[in-house]
């Protein structure tokens, strides 16, 4: 069977079917839903269905909120600027802390690789030099000055 023949056959069979009918309970359920919606309180309905007094009150409230926002906007801008200054300072402090961390790490690496192995030997050499100076001073005191300084 060709696709065109199949399409015509299905179309003929569907046209031969009787039109669908709504269930008997559909109309009472729709009417009950409409009645329930009509019985709802005014504040749960759409704004255009509110009583006129409440519409005016809510419109005035909206205007008041917008006007208050317009008046407070400069103060809000100043507060945001202050917060951004604090955020910038916080960023500067964080950047400085990172730089200090890098510097201390570099000093620690230099200490461990270059200075730590040499420091004990340098300390020993300085100690020996101090001892040699003490011995030389004592010898000089005995020989040259003839024990003049005691």
C-alpha atoms as a PDB file:
ATOM      1  CA  UNK A   1       0.000   0.000   0.000  1.00  0.00           C
ATOM      2  CA  UNK A   2       1.310   3.426  -0.965  1.00  0.00           C
ATOM      3  CA  UNK A   3       1.657   6.188   1.659  1.00  0.00           C
ATOM      4  CA  UNK A   4      -0.919   8.330  -0.172  1.00  0.00           C
ATOM      5  CA  UNK A   5      -3.453   5.458  -0.182  1.00  0.00           C
ATOM      6  CA  UNK A   6      -2.864   4.840   3.516  1.00  0.00           C
ATOM      7  CA  UNK A   7      -3.413   8.522   4.258  1.00  0.00           C
ATOM      8  CA  UNK A   8      -6.713   8.602   2.343  1.00  0.00           C
ATOM      9  CA  UNK A   9      -7.917   5.432   4.065  1.00  0.00           C
ATOM     10  CA  UNK A  10      -7.160   6.808   7.540  1.00  0.00           C
ATOM     11  CA  UNK A  11      -8.827  10.121   6.639  1.00  0.00           C
ATOM     12  CA  UNK A  12     -12.002   8.324   5.443  1.00  0.00           C
ATOM     13  CA  UNK A  13     -12.187   6.171   8.582  1.00  0.00           C
ATOM     14  CA  UNK A  14     -11.694   9.146  10.892  1.00  0.00           C
ATOM     15  CA  UNK A  15     -14.426  11.141   9.111  1.00  0.00           C
ATOM     16  CA  UNK A  16     -16.804   8.199   9.508  1.00  0.00           C
ATOM     17  CA  UNK A  17     -16.449   8.294  13.321  1.00  0.00           C
ATOM     18  CA  UNK A  18     -19.207  10.095  15.253  1.00  0.00           C
ATOM     19  CA  UNK A  19     -18.269  13.462  16.824  1.00  0.00           C
ATOM     20  CA  UNK A  20     -17.077  13.227  20.436  1.00  0.00           C
ATOM     21  CA  UNK A  21     -19.511  14.132  23.214  1.00  0.00           C
ATOM     22  CA  UNK A  22     -18.659  15.873  26.485  1.00  0.00           C
ATOM     23  CA  UNK A  23     -19.038  13.772  29.623  1.00  0.00           C
ATOM     24  CA  UNK A  24     -22.280  14.359  31.527  1.00  0.00           C
ATOM     25  CA  UNK A  25     -20.378  15.556  34.630  1.00  0.00           C
ATOM     26  CA  UNK A  26     -18.358  18.178  32.723  1.00  0.00           C
ATOM     27  CA  UNK A  27     -20.945  20.981  32.738  1.00  0.00           C
ATOM     28  CA  UNK A  28     -21.748  20.703  36.485  1.00  0.00           C
ATOM     29  CA  UNK A  29     -18.017  20.691  37.312  1.00  0.00           C
ATOM     30  CA  UNK A  30     -17.348  23.778  35.155  1.00  0.00           C
ATOM     31  CA  UNK A  31     -20.312  25.593  36.707  1.00  0.00           C
ATOM     32  CA  UNK A  32     -19.109  24.694  40.224  1.00  0.00           C
ATOM     33  CA  UNK A  33     -15.595  25.990  39.413  1.00  0.00           C
ATOM     34  CA  UNK A  34     -17.061  29.274  38.108  1.00  0.00           C
ATOM     35  CA  UNK A  35     -19.200  29.596  41.255  1.00  0.00           C
ATOM     36  CA  UNK A  36     -16.172  28.902  43.500  1.00  0.00           C
ATOM     37  CA  UNK A  37     -14.157  31.540  41.676  1.00  0.00           C
ATOM     38  CA  UNK A  38     -16.993  34.049  42.061  1.00  0.00           C
ATOM     39  CA  UNK A  39     -17.209  33.327  45.813  1.00  0.00           C
ATOM     40  CA  UNK A  40     -13.510  33.967  46.474  1.00  0.00           C
ATOM     41  CA  UNK A  41     -12.578  37.033  48.554  1.00  0.00           C
ATOM     42  CA  UNK A  42     -11.809  40.221  46.593  1.00  0.00           C
ATOM     43  CA  UNK A  43      -8.108  40.265  47.501  1.00  0.00           C
ATOM     44  CA  UNK A  44      -7.509  36.876  45.834  1.00  0.00           C
ATOM     45  CA  UNK A  45      -8.902  38.061  42.516  1.00  0.00           C
ATOM     46  CA  UNK A  46      -7.157  40.020  39.758  1.00  0.00           C
ATOM     47  CA  UNK A  47      -6.388  43.674  40.623  1.00  0.00           C
ATOM     48  CA  UNK A  48      -8.890  44.992  38.065  1.00  0.00           C
ATOM     49  CA  UNK A  49     -11.677  43.092  39.876  1.00  0.00           C
ATOM     50  CA  UNK A  50     -10.909  44.678  43.289  1.00  0.00           C
ATOM     51  CA  UNK A  51     -13.279  47.289  44.712  1.00  0.00           C
ATOM     52  CA  UNK A  52     -12.470  50.815  43.471  1.00  0.00           C
ATOM     53  CA  UNK A  53     -11.485  52.048  46.937  1.00  0.00           C
ATOM     54  CA  UNK A  54      -8.914  49.288  47.344  1.00  0.00           C
ATOM     55  CA  UNK A  55      -7.606  49.899  43.839  1.00  0.00           C
ATOM     56  CA  UNK A  56      -7.080  53.583  44.689  1.00  0.00           C
ATOM     57  CA  UNK A  57      -5.456  52.724  48.018  1.00  0.00           C
ATOM     58  CA  UNK A  58      -3.076  50.239  46.416  1.00  0.00           C
ATOM     59  CA  UNK A  59      -2.234  52.705  43.613  1.00  0.00           C
ATOM     60  CA  UNK A  60      -1.470  55.420  46.193  1.00  0.00           C
ATOM     61  CA  UNK A  61       0.666  52.936  48.134  1.00  0.00           C
ATOM     62  CA  UNK A  62       2.595  52.098  44.967  1.00  0.00           C
ATOM     63  CA  UNK A  63       3.141  55.801  44.232  1.00  0.00           C
ATOM     64  CA  UNK A  64       4.361  56.288  47.816  1.00  0.00           C
ATOM     65  CA  UNK A  65       6.816  53.416  47.517  1.00  0.00           C
ATOM     66  CA  UNK A  66       8.159  54.779  44.212  1.00  0.00           C
ATOM     67  CA  UNK A  67       8.456  58.323  45.656  1.00  0.00           C
ATOM     68  CA  UNK A  68      10.231  57.004  48.760  1.00  0.00           C
ATOM     69  CA  UNK A  69      12.599  55.091  46.526  1.00  0.00           C
ATOM     70  CA  UNK A  70      13.295  58.265  44.551  1.00  0.00           C
ATOM     71  CA  UNK A  71      14.030  60.196  47.730  1.00  0.00           C
ATOM     72  CA  UNK A  72      16.167  57.466  49.275  1.00  0.00           C
ATOM     73  CA  UNK A  73      18.039  56.645  46.073  1.00  0.00           C
ATOM     74  CA  UNK A  74      20.853  59.176  46.675  1.00  0.00           C
ATOM     75  CA  UNK A  75      21.407  57.828  50.191  1.00  0.00           C
ATOM     76  CA  UNK A  76      21.358  54.317  48.806  1.00  0.00           C
ATOM     77  CA  UNK A  77      23.920  55.330  46.182  1.00  0.00           C
ATOM     78  CA  UNK A  78      26.149  56.788  48.910  1.00  0.00           C
ATOM     79  CA  UNK A  79      25.803  53.603  50.938  1.00  0.00           C
ATOM     80  CA  UNK A  80      26.703  51.518  47.887  1.00  0.00           C
ATOM     81  CA  UNK A  81      29.737  53.739  47.278  1.00  0.00           C
ATOM     82  CA  UNK A  82      30.804  53.251  50.902  1.00  0.00           C
ATOM     83  CA  UNK A  83      30.359  49.515  50.557  1.00  0.00           C
ATOM     84  CA  UNK A  84      32.374  49.510  47.343  1.00  0.00           C
ATOM     85  CA  UNK A  85      35.124  51.466  49.148  1.00  0.00           C
ATOM     86  CA  UNK A  86      35.119  48.836  51.883  1.00  0.00           C
ATOM     87  CA  UNK A  87      35.172  46.098  49.245  1.00  0.00           C
ATOM     88  CA  UNK A  88      38.105  47.797  47.492  1.00  0.00           C
ATOM     89  CA  UNK A  89      39.952  48.134  50.794  1.00  0.00           C
ATOM     90  CA  UNK A  90      39.215  44.501  51.509  1.00  0.00           C
ATOM     91  CA  UNK A  91      40.590  43.604  48.090  1.00  0.00           C
ATOM     92  CA  UNK A  92      43.682  45.735  48.760  1.00  0.00           C
ATOM     93  CA  UNK A  93      44.194  44.035  52.115  1.00  0.00           C
ATOM     94  CA  UNK A  94      43.793  40.628  50.507  1.00  0.00           C
ATOM     95  CA  UNK A  95      46.300  41.587  47.788  1.00  0.00           C
ATOM     96  CA  UNK A  96      48.736  42.884  50.414  1.00  0.00           C
ATOM     97  CA  UNK A  97      48.345  39.688  52.409  1.00  0.00           C
ATOM     98  CA  UNK A  98      49.145  37.663  49.279  1.00  0.00           C
ATOM     99  CA  UNK A  99      52.236  39.819  48.649  1.00  0.00           C
ATOM    100  CA  UNK A 100      53.404  39.382  52.256  1.00  0.00           C
ATOM    101  CA  UNK A 101      52.852  35.653  51.954  1.00  0.00           C
ATOM    102  CA  UNK A 102      54.933  35.534  48.764  1.00  0.00           C
ATOM    103  CA  UNK A 103      57.697  37.606  50.372  1.00  0.00           C
ATOM    104  CA  UNK A 104      57.838  35.458  53.516  1.00  0.00           C
ATOM    105  CA  UNK A 105      57.902  32.314  51.414  1.00  0.00           C
ATOM    106  CA  UNK A 106      60.791  33.729  49.382  1.00  0.00           C
ATOM    107  CA  UNK A 107      62.710  34.668  52.567  1.00  0.00           C
ATOM    108  CA  UNK A 108      62.059  31.213  54.010  1.00  0.00           C
ATOM    109  CA  UNK A 109      63.387  29.542  50.831  1.00  0.00           C
ATOM    110  CA  UNK A 110      66.489  31.744  50.776  1.00  0.00           C
ATOM    111  CA  UNK A 111      67.094  31.042  54.475  1.00  0.00           C
ATOM    112  CA  UNK A 112      66.756  27.278  54.101  1.00  0.00           C
ATOM    113  CA  UNK A 113      68.848  26.984  50.940  1.00  0.00           C
ATOM    114  CA  UNK A 114      71.575  29.613  51.341  1.00  0.00           C
ATOM    115  CA  UNK A 115      71.859  30.827  54.913  1.00  0.00           C
ATOM    116  CA  UNK A 116      70.874  27.926  57.186  1.00  0.00           C
ATOM    117  CA  UNK A 117      73.794  25.709  56.113  1.00  0.00           C
ATOM    118  CA  UNK A 118      76.296  28.588  56.568  1.00  0.00           C
ATOM    119  CA  UNK A 119      75.067  30.089  59.858  1.00  0.00           C
ATOM    120  CA  UNK A 120      76.569  27.433  62.214  1.00  0.00           C
ATOM    121  CA  UNK A 121      79.958  27.776  60.518  1.00  0.00           C
ATOM    122  CA  UNK A 122      79.762  31.576  60.590  1.00  0.00           C
ATOM    123  CA  UNK A 123      78.803  31.475  64.288  1.00  0.00           C
ATOM    124  CA  UNK A 124      81.736  29.193  65.016  1.00  0.00           C
ATOM    125  CA  UNK A 125      84.107  31.490  63.069  1.00  0.00           C
ATOM    126  CA  UNK A 126      82.852  34.584  64.927  1.00  0.00           C
ATOM    127  CA  UNK A 127      83.237  32.775  68.250  1.00  0.00           C
ATOM    128  CA  UNK A 128      86.836  31.828  67.343  1.00  0.00           C
ATOM    129  CA  UNK A 129      87.569  35.414  66.268  1.00  0.00           C
ATOM    130  CA  UNK A 130      86.211  36.731  69.575  1.00  0.00           C
ATOM    131  CA  UNK A 131      88.353  34.227  71.455  1.00  0.00           C
ATOM    132  CA  UNK A 132      91.405  35.219  69.380  1.00  0.00           C
ATOM    133  CA  UNK A 133      90.768  38.909  70.126  1.00  0.00           C
ATOM    134  CA  UNK A 134      90.481  38.123  73.834  1.00  0.00           C
ATOM    135  CA  UNK A 135      93.722  36.148  73.765  1.00  0.00           C
ATOM    136  CA  UNK A 136      95.482  38.880  71.750  1.00  0.00           C
ATOM    137  CA  UNK A 137      94.225  41.562  74.148  1.00  0.00           C
ATOM    138  CA  UNK A 138      95.399  39.570  77.166  1.00  0.00           C
ATOM    139  CA  UNK A 139      98.803  38.956  75.567  1.00  0.00           C
ATOM    140  CA  UNK A 140      99.112  42.631  74.634  1.00  0.00           C
ATOM    141  CA  UNK A 141      98.218  43.606  78.152  1.00  0.00           C
ATOM    142  CA  UNK A 142     100.908  41.306  79.584  1.00  0.00           C
ATOM    143  CA  UNK A 143     103.677  42.026  77.136  1.00  0.00           C
ATOM    144  CA  UNK A 144     103.406  45.637  76.092  1.00  0.00           C
ATOM    145  CA  UNK A 145     101.808  47.367  78.986  1.00  0.00           C
ATOM    146  CA  UNK A 146     103.448  45.214  81.626  1.00  0.00           C
ATOM    147  CA  UNK A 147     100.241  44.396  83.362  1.00  0.00           C
ATOM    148  CA  UNK A 148      99.285  48.019  83.675  1.00  0.00           C
ATOM    149  CA  UNK A 149      95.646  47.363  83.101  1.00  0.00           C
ATOM    150  CA  UNK A 150      94.075  44.788  85.315  1.00  0.00           C
END
